[in-house]
Protein backbone atom coordinates (compact mmCIF):
# COMPACT_ATOMS: atom_id res chain seq x y z
CA UNK A 1 117.32 118.48 85.88
CA UNK A 2 113.57 118.65 85.56
CA UNK A 3 111.42 115.98 87.21
CA UNK A 4 109.50 113.48 85.13
CA UNK A 5 106.30 114.86 83.66
CA UNK A 6 104.83 111.35 83.51
CA UNK A 7 104.21 111.28 87.26
CA UNK A 8 102.01 113.31 89.61
CA UNK A 9 103.83 116.11 91.39
CA UNK A 10 103.04 114.68 94.85
CA UNK A 11 102.91 110.96 95.67
CA UNK A 12 102.05 109.07 98.83
CA UNK A 13 103.65 105.68 99.43
CA UNK A 14 101.45 104.03 102.05
CA UNK A 15 102.22 100.82 103.98
CA UNK A 16 99.46 99.39 106.17
CA UNK A 17 100.02 96.83 108.91
CA UNK A 18 96.91 94.65 109.06
CA UNK A 19 95.35 92.21 111.47
CA UNK A 20 96.32 88.62 110.62
CA UNK A 21 94.44 87.24 107.65
CA UNK A 22 92.73 90.53 106.75
CA UNK A 23 94.68 91.62 103.68
CA UNK A 24 92.41 90.01 101.10
CA UNK A 25 89.37 91.49 102.82
CA UNK A 26 90.85 94.98 102.66
CA UNK A 27 91.99 94.61 99.06
CA UNK A 28 88.56 93.39 97.97
CA UNK A 29 86.88 96.30 99.74
CA UNK A 30 89.45 98.81 98.47
CA UNK A 31 89.18 97.78 94.84
CA UNK A 32 85.41 97.47 94.90
CA UNK A 33 84.60 100.71 96.72
CA UNK A 34 87.55 103.11 96.92
CA UNK A 35 89.35 103.36 93.57
CA UNK A 36 86.76 105.21 91.47
CA UNK A 37 85.65 107.59 94.28
CA UNK A 38 89.24 108.64 94.96
CA UNK A 39 89.79 109.23 91.27
CA UNK A 40 86.59 111.27 91.16
CA UNK A 41 88.06 113.48 93.90
CA UNK A 42 91.13 114.21 91.75
CA UNK A 43 93.58 111.57 92.96
CA UNK A 44 95.59 109.28 90.71
CA UNK A 45 95.67 105.69 91.96
CA UNK A 46 99.10 104.41 90.92
CA UNK A 47 99.27 100.96 92.42
CA UNK A 48 98.05 98.53 95.06
CA UNK A 49 100.24 95.65 96.17
CA UNK A 50 100.67 92.56 98.31
CA UNK A 51 103.94 92.67 100.24
CA UNK A 52 105.45 89.28 99.41
CA UNK A 53 107.54 89.24 102.60
CA UNK A 54 104.66 90.07 104.94
CA UNK A 55 101.24 88.51 104.46
CA UNK A 56 99.69 91.17 106.69
CA UNK A 57 100.98 94.26 104.89
CA UNK A 58 99.20 96.22 102.15
CA UNK A 59 101.22 98.74 100.12
CA UNK A 60 99.74 101.34 97.80
CA UNK A 61 100.50 104.65 96.10
CA UNK A 62 98.37 107.58 95.03
CA UNK A 63 99.25 110.88 93.42
CA UNK A 64 98.12 114.49 93.39
CA UNK A 65 98.66 117.48 91.12
CA UNK A 66 100.18 119.53 93.97
CA UNK A 67 99.93 119.99 97.74
CA UNK A 68 96.79 122.22 97.70
CA UNK A 69 95.11 119.69 95.39
CA UNK A 70 96.08 116.93 97.82
CA UNK A 71 94.46 118.74 100.75
CA UNK A 72 91.25 119.30 98.81
CA UNK A 73 91.07 115.78 97.39
CA UNK A 74 91.63 114.15 100.77
CA UNK A 75 89.06 116.40 102.42
CA UNK A 76 86.53 115.55 99.71
CA UNK A 77 87.09 111.81 99.89
CA UNK A 78 87.38 111.33 103.66
CA UNK A 79 84.51 113.72 104.28
CA UNK A 80 82.40 112.12 101.59
CA UNK A 81 79.72 109.43 101.62
CA UNK A 82 81.80 106.50 100.34
CA UNK A 83 84.39 106.64 103.12
CA UNK A 84 81.71 107.30 105.72
CA UNK A 85 79.83 104.21 104.57
CA UNK A 86 82.83 101.87 104.55
CA UNK A 87 85.39 103.31 106.95
CA UNK A 88 84.50 101.05 109.87
CA UNK A 89 84.88 97.97 107.71
CA UNK A 90 88.21 99.21 106.35
CA UNK A 91 89.59 100.34 109.70
CA UNK A 92 88.68 97.00 111.26
CA UNK A 93 91.32 95.32 109.07
CA UNK A 94 94.13 97.68 110.13
CA UNK A 95 96.58 97.77 113.02
CA UNK A 96 98.46 100.81 111.72
CA UNK A 97 98.02 103.07 108.68
CA UNK A 98 100.49 105.84 109.58
CA UNK A 99 103.54 104.46 107.71
CA UNK A 100 103.29 107.00 104.89
CA UNK A 101 106.01 108.69 102.86
CA UNK A 102 105.17 111.96 101.13
CA UNK A 103 107.25 112.04 97.95
CA UNK A 104 107.78 113.86 94.67
CA UNK A 105 109.54 112.94 91.39
CA UNK A 106 113.32 113.14 91.77
CA UNK A 107 114.71 112.86 88.24
CA UNK A 108 113.37 112.37 84.76
CA UNK A 109 112.91 108.76 83.72
CA UNK A 110 114.71 107.26 80.73
CA UNK A 111 111.26 106.23 79.49
CA UNK A 112 107.68 107.09 80.48
CA UNK A 113 106.23 105.29 83.50
CA UNK A 114 104.87 102.07 82.03
CA UNK A 115 102.42 99.32 82.85
CA UNK A 116 104.13 95.96 82.68
CA UNK A 117 102.52 92.76 81.40
CA UNK A 118 100.53 90.72 83.91
CA UNK A 119 102.59 88.49 86.15
CA UNK A 120 105.38 90.98 86.80
CA UNK A 121 106.74 91.77 90.25
CA UNK A 122 107.39 95.27 91.55
CA UNK A 123 110.36 96.16 93.72
CA UNK A 124 110.39 99.36 95.78
CA UNK A 125 113.78 100.40 97.17
CA UNK A 126 113.72 102.92 100.02
CA UNK A 127 116.96 104.72 100.89
CA UNK A 128 116.97 106.79 104.11
CA UNK A 129 118.95 109.98 103.56
CA UNK A 130 120.90 112.19 105.95
CA UNK A 131 119.29 115.31 104.46
CA UNK A 132 116.86 116.17 101.70
CA UNK A 133 118.02 115.23 98.22
CA UNK A 134 120.37 117.76 96.61
CA UNK A 135 121.49 118.34 93.05
CA UNK A 136 124.59 116.20 93.51
CA UNK A 137 122.45 113.24 94.54
CA UNK A 138 120.10 113.80 91.62
CA UNK A 139 123.06 113.81 89.22
CA UNK A 140 124.35 110.59 90.76
CA UNK A 141 120.94 108.98 90.36
CA UNK A 142 120.55 110.11 86.76
CA UNK A 143 124.09 109.40 85.58
CA UNK A 144 125.07 106.34 87.63
CA UNK A 145 122.07 104.64 89.22
CA UNK A 146 119.53 104.69 86.39
CA UNK A 147 121.85 103.15 83.79
CA UNK A 148 122.50 100.24 86.17
CA UNK A 149 118.78 99.59 86.56
CA UNK A 150 118.06 99.43 82.83
CA UNK A 151 117.96 95.95 81.34
CA UNK A 152 115.51 93.87 79.26
CA UNK A 153 112.40 92.91 81.20
CA UNK A 154 112.73 95.80 83.67
CA UNK A 155 110.67 99.00 83.61
CA UNK A 156 111.46 101.86 85.92
CA UNK A 157 108.15 103.19 87.24
CA UNK A 158 109.33 106.10 89.38
CA UNK A 159 112.32 107.66 91.11
CA UNK A 160 111.15 109.72 94.05
CA UNK A 161 112.47 111.94 96.82
CA UNK A 162 110.85 113.34 99.94
CA UNK A 163 108.35 116.15 99.40
CA UNK A 164 109.47 118.66 102.08
CA UNK A 165 106.22 120.64 102.27
CA UNK A 166 104.28 120.49 105.51
CA UNK A 167 101.48 117.94 105.65
CA UNK A 168 98.39 119.90 104.63
CA UNK A 169 96.00 117.17 105.77
CA UNK A 170 97.15 116.35 109.34
CA UNK A 171 94.21 114.02 109.86
CA UNK A 172 96.36 111.54 107.90
CA UNK A 173 99.89 111.54 109.39
CA UNK A 174 103.01 111.15 107.27
CA UNK A 175 106.58 110.30 108.26
CA UNK A 176 108.08 113.75 108.71
CA UNK A 177 111.76 114.43 109.28
CA UNK A 178 112.82 111.22 107.49
CA UNK A 179 114.32 112.24 104.12
CA UNK A 180 114.10 109.44 101.58
CA UNK A 181 115.12 108.47 98.09
CA UNK A 182 112.98 105.73 96.54
CA UNK A 183 112.60 103.97 93.23
CA UNK A 184 110.11 101.43 91.97
CA UNK A 185 110.70 99.04 89.11
CA UNK A 186 108.57 96.39 87.46
CA UNK A 187 110.40 93.16 86.67
CA UNK A 188 109.01 90.48 84.38
CA UNK A 189 108.67 86.97 85.75
CA UNK A 190 111.87 85.02 85.16
CA UNK A 191 114.04 88.16 85.06
CA UNK A 192 116.56 88.68 87.85
CA UNK A 193 116.19 92.20 89.29
CA UNK A 194 119.22 94.43 88.69
CA UNK A 195 121.69 94.20 91.56
CA UNK A 196 123.17 97.55 92.52
CA UNK A 197 125.62 98.20 95.35
CA UNK A 198 123.43 100.99 96.61
CA UNK A 199 125.45 101.50 99.75
CA UNK A 200 128.68 102.09 97.85
CA UNK A 201 127.02 104.29 95.25
CA UNK A 202 125.03 106.45 97.68
CA UNK A 203 127.06 106.13 100.89
CA UNK A 204 127.75 109.85 101.29
CA UNK A 205 124.00 110.54 101.41
CA UNK A 206 122.66 107.53 103.34
CA UNK A 207 121.78 107.63 107.02
CA UNK A 208 120.76 103.96 107.20
CA UNK A 209 120.68 100.80 105.11
CA UNK A 210 118.30 100.74 102.12
CA UNK A 211 115.20 98.55 102.29
CA UNK A 212 113.64 96.80 99.31
CA UNK A 213 109.97 95.81 99.28
CA UNK A 214 109.06 92.86 97.07
CA UNK A 215 105.52 93.42 95.83
CA UNK A 216 102.85 91.76 93.71
CA UNK A 217 100.11 93.87 92.16
CA UNK A 218 96.47 93.43 93.12
CA UNK A 219 93.96 92.73 90.32
CA UNK A 220 93.12 96.39 89.64
CA UNK A 221 96.53 97.98 90.23
CA UNK A 222 97.61 100.38 87.47
CA UNK A 223 101.28 99.65 88.13
CA UNK A 224 102.26 96.01 88.00
């Protein structure tokens, strides 16, 4: 099964733990100074989010054409004038920025990745796996999981699995040796998110309980 062509080939899911009360300051700085320069370096900014369960957590995703493009884009941005001018201000808001999953599209989506109307919530489900995703898991996702997630008012944004390639930009650590399956869906206000017995469906592949992040898009997030 070929991966979705609507998504970048490589995606980072980044979760930052921030000093108390600093999330709005980081988001304002990020959206004012960092979106366009990262795009100019060849990155695709997919989404920026408040974590609704943790007022001091910032979650965001960016994509790259491939691993060599990722290395070049990150070198250009973090070695460039914009980051040099604002890095101290950004870093002052953060306790930890190393909670990063390096992912890639897992299966084709039933519809192209979509931007939901304003006011929607985004849910990111992270499933720790015993090993890297295999074809049997991908078939299970495509044939059993995806149909259960489809309902009115819900848009599936991405289904992702761990990108196994070595981190080509070690200056920014990623969580290595932690295989993952993840999906993100946008749910309109007033719509109950689809409830799936993930443990029963994926038990043979899981090494730990799934985690779901409840997110709200920032003003300039592409995904919402």
